[in-house]
Amino acid sequence: MTSLDSALTKSIKDIPMCVALGYVDMSTGMLLGVRTTDSHPQEVLDLVAAATADLFQGSNVVSIEKLFRQSRGLPDSSAHYFKEIVVFSGVVQKKGS
């Protein structure tokens, strides 16, 4: 088991009510690793990975980051502010959990 596989397996066990997590190469949008509590078609997982890359580095996010830099008087840069995002969904959590 690779260190990425180990980290994903440990994380899904340690994060309360975690139903899925993945590791995405942000430069390509490629899903490098995933753990879920249910099975999903690879096509769905690949689409989620691509959407994740857009969520972190899509054109709207890049525009927001540019405005942040301008408002703070920082030079233009390709650095990204968003490094991690946690999504909670009441749909997948059981009542009382």
C-alpha atoms as a PDB file:
ATOM      1  CA  MET A   1       0.000   0.000   0.000  1.00  0.00           C
ATOM      2  CA  THR A   2       1.407   3.404  -0.959  1.00  0.00           C
ATOM      3  CA  SER A   3       1.626   6.274   1.498  1.00  0.00           C
ATOM      4  CA  LEU A   4      -1.243   7.985  -0.391  1.00  0.00           C
ATOM      5  CA  ASP A   5      -3.413   4.878  -0.060  1.00  0.00           C
ATOM      6  CA  SER A   6      -2.564   4.680   3.639  1.00  0.00           C
ATOM      7  CA  ALA A   7      -3.383   8.360   4.181  1.00  0.00           C
ATOM      8  CA  LEU A   8      -6.736   8.051   2.384  1.00  0.00           C
ATOM      9  CA  THR A   9      -7.681   4.891   4.288  1.00  0.00           C
ATOM     10  CA  LYS A  10      -6.745   6.468   7.639  1.00  0.00           C
ATOM     11  CA  SER A  11      -8.557   9.713   6.819  1.00  0.00           C
ATOM     12  CA  ILE A  12     -11.876   8.127   5.871  1.00  0.00           C
ATOM     13  CA  LYS A  13     -11.778   6.211   9.171  1.00  0.00           C
ATOM     14  CA  ASP A  14     -10.739   9.216  11.287  1.00  0.00           C
ATOM     15  CA  ILE A  15     -13.010  11.937   9.845  1.00  0.00           C
ATOM     16  CA  PRO A  16     -16.457  11.723  11.479  1.00  0.00           C
ATOM     17  CA  MET A  17     -19.245  10.804   9.019  1.00  0.00           C
ATOM     18  CA  CYS A  18     -16.846  10.949   6.050  1.00  0.00           C
ATOM     19  CA  VAL A  19     -18.416   9.157   3.075  1.00  0.00           C
ATOM     20  CA  ALA A  20     -15.826   9.966   0.408  1.00  0.00           C
ATOM     21  CA  LEU A  21     -12.494  11.633  -0.104  1.00  0.00           C
ATOM     22  CA  GLY A  22     -10.063  11.931  -2.939  1.00  0.00           C
ATOM     23  CA  TYR A  23      -6.691  13.268  -3.968  1.00  0.00           C
ATOM     24  CA  VAL A  24      -6.706  15.249  -7.216  1.00  0.00           C
ATOM     25  CA  ASP A  25      -3.756  16.470  -9.307  1.00  0.00           C
ATOM     26  CA  MET A  26      -4.837  20.085  -9.649  1.00  0.00           C
ATOM     27  CA  SER A  27      -2.759  20.719 -12.771  1.00  0.00           C
ATOM     28  CA  THR A  28      -4.495  17.942 -14.727  1.00  0.00           C
ATOM     29  CA  GLY A  29      -7.746  17.340 -12.825  1.00  0.00           C
ATOM     30  CA  MET A  30      -6.774  13.661 -12.617  1.00  0.00           C
ATOM     31  CA  LEU A  31      -7.993  11.628  -9.656  1.00  0.00           C
ATOM     32  CA  LEU A  32      -4.899  10.050  -8.092  1.00  0.00           C
ATOM     33  CA  GLY A  33      -6.617   8.297  -5.215  1.00  0.00           C
ATOM     34  CA  VAL A  34     -10.084   7.881  -3.746  1.00  0.00           C
ATOM     35  CA  ARG A  35     -11.848   6.203  -0.842  1.00  0.00           C
ATOM     36  CA  THR A  36     -15.629   5.962  -0.516  1.00  0.00           C
ATOM     37  CA  THR A  37     -17.993   4.125   1.794  1.00  0.00           C
ATOM     38  CA  ASP A  38     -20.093   3.108  -1.231  1.00  0.00           C
ATOM     39  CA  SER A  39     -19.190   2.073  -4.767  1.00  0.00           C
ATOM     40  CA  HIS A  40     -19.383   4.588  -7.612  1.00  0.00           C
ATOM     41  CA  PRO A  41     -18.711   4.240 -11.349  1.00  0.00           C
ATOM     42  CA  GLN A  42     -15.237   5.438 -12.374  1.00  0.00           C
ATOM     43  CA  GLU A  43     -16.883   7.915 -14.768  1.00  0.00           C
ATOM     44  CA  VAL A  44     -18.604   9.638 -11.825  1.00  0.00           C
ATOM     45  CA  LEU A  45     -15.379   9.777  -9.808  1.00  0.00           C
ATOM     46  CA  ASP A  46     -13.485  11.249 -12.776  1.00  0.00           C
ATOM     47  CA  LEU A  47     -16.155  13.938 -13.244  1.00  0.00           C
ATOM     48  CA  VAL A  48     -16.021  14.807  -9.548  1.00  0.00           C
ATOM     49  CA  ALA A  49     -12.226  15.133  -9.804  1.00  0.00           C
ATOM     50  CA  ALA A  50     -12.492  17.482 -12.789  1.00  0.00           C
ATOM     51  CA  ALA A  51     -15.159  19.532 -11.001  1.00  0.00           C
ATOM     52  CA  THR A  52     -12.895  19.718  -7.952  1.00  0.00           C
ATOM     53  CA  ALA A  53     -10.077  21.185 -10.041  1.00  0.00           C
ATOM     54  CA  ASP A  54     -12.546  23.774 -11.379  1.00  0.00           C
ATOM     55  CA  LEU A  55     -13.745  24.507  -7.845  1.00  0.00           C
ATOM     56  CA  PHE A  56     -10.217  25.308  -6.682  1.00  0.00           C
ATOM     57  CA  GLN A  57      -8.732  26.844  -9.820  1.00  0.00           C
ATOM     58  CA  GLY A  58     -11.570  27.608 -12.240  1.00  0.00           C
ATOM     59  CA  SER A  59     -11.928  30.974 -13.942  1.00  0.00           C
ATOM     60  CA  ASN A  60     -14.203  32.432 -11.237  1.00  0.00           C
ATOM     61  CA  VAL A  61     -11.791  31.438  -8.473  1.00  0.00           C
ATOM     62  CA  VAL A  62      -8.845  32.877 -10.409  1.00  0.00           C
ATOM     63  CA  SER A  63     -10.779  36.152 -10.779  1.00  0.00           C
ATOM     64  CA  ILE A  64     -11.516  36.249  -7.039  1.00  0.00           C
ATOM     65  CA  GLU A  65      -7.860  35.570  -6.208  1.00  0.00           C
ATOM     66  CA  LYS A  66      -6.781  38.364  -8.559  1.00  0.00           C
ATOM     67  CA  LEU A  67      -9.181  40.792  -6.827  1.00  0.00           C
ATOM     68  CA  PHE A  68      -7.852  39.732  -3.395  1.00  0.00           C
ATOM     69  CA  ARG A  69      -4.279  40.403  -4.519  1.00  0.00           C
ATOM     70  CA  GLN A  70      -5.230  43.788  -5.981  1.00  0.00           C
ATOM     71  CA  SER A  71      -7.127  44.842  -2.846  1.00  0.00           C
ATOM     72  CA  ARG A  72      -4.136  43.866  -0.696  1.00  0.00           C
ATOM     73  CA  GLY A  73      -1.643  45.594  -2.975  1.00  0.00           C
ATOM     74  CA  LEU A  74       0.126  42.326  -3.798  1.00  0.00           C
ATOM     75  CA  PRO A  75       1.835  41.642  -7.124  1.00  0.00           C
ATOM     76  CA  ASP A  76       0.118  39.459  -9.711  1.00  0.00           C
ATOM     77  CA  SER A  77       0.888  35.793  -9.119  1.00  0.00           C
ATOM     78  CA  SER A  78      -0.213  32.347 -10.193  1.00  0.00           C
ATOM     79  CA  ALA A  79      -0.389  31.207  -6.546  1.00  0.00           C
ATOM     80  CA  HIS A  80      -3.773  29.943  -5.368  1.00  0.00           C
ATOM     81  CA  TYR A  81      -5.402  30.795  -2.030  1.00  0.00           C
ATOM     82  CA  PHE A  82      -7.715  27.808  -1.748  1.00  0.00           C
ATOM     83  CA  LYS A  83      -5.890  24.677  -0.620  1.00  0.00           C
ATOM     84  CA  GLU A  84      -8.677  22.577   0.845  1.00  0.00           C
ATOM     85  CA  ILE A  85     -12.438  22.557   0.933  1.00  0.00           C
ATOM     86  CA  VAL A  86     -14.752  20.446   3.064  1.00  0.00           C
ATOM     87  CA  VAL A  87     -18.244  19.739   1.745  1.00  0.00           C
ATOM     88  CA  PHE A  88     -21.053  18.689   4.056  1.00  0.00           C
ATOM     89  CA  SER A  89     -24.241  17.177   2.696  1.00  0.00           C
ATOM     90  CA  GLY A  90     -27.266  16.505   4.859  1.00  0.00           C
ATOM     91  CA  VAL A  91     -28.572  14.195   2.152  1.00  0.00           C
ATOM     92  CA  VAL A  92     -25.969  11.501   2.811  1.00  0.00           C
ATOM     93  CA  GLN A  93     -25.956  11.761   6.591  1.00  0.00           C
ATOM     94  CA  LYS A  94     -28.494   9.779   8.567  1.00  0.00           C
ATOM     95  CA  LYS A  95     -30.784  11.630  10.963  1.00  0.00           C
ATOM     96  CA  GLY A  96     -29.436  11.693  14.469  1.00  0.00           C
ATOM     97  CA  SER A  97     -25.838  11.265  13.301  1.00  0.00           C
END
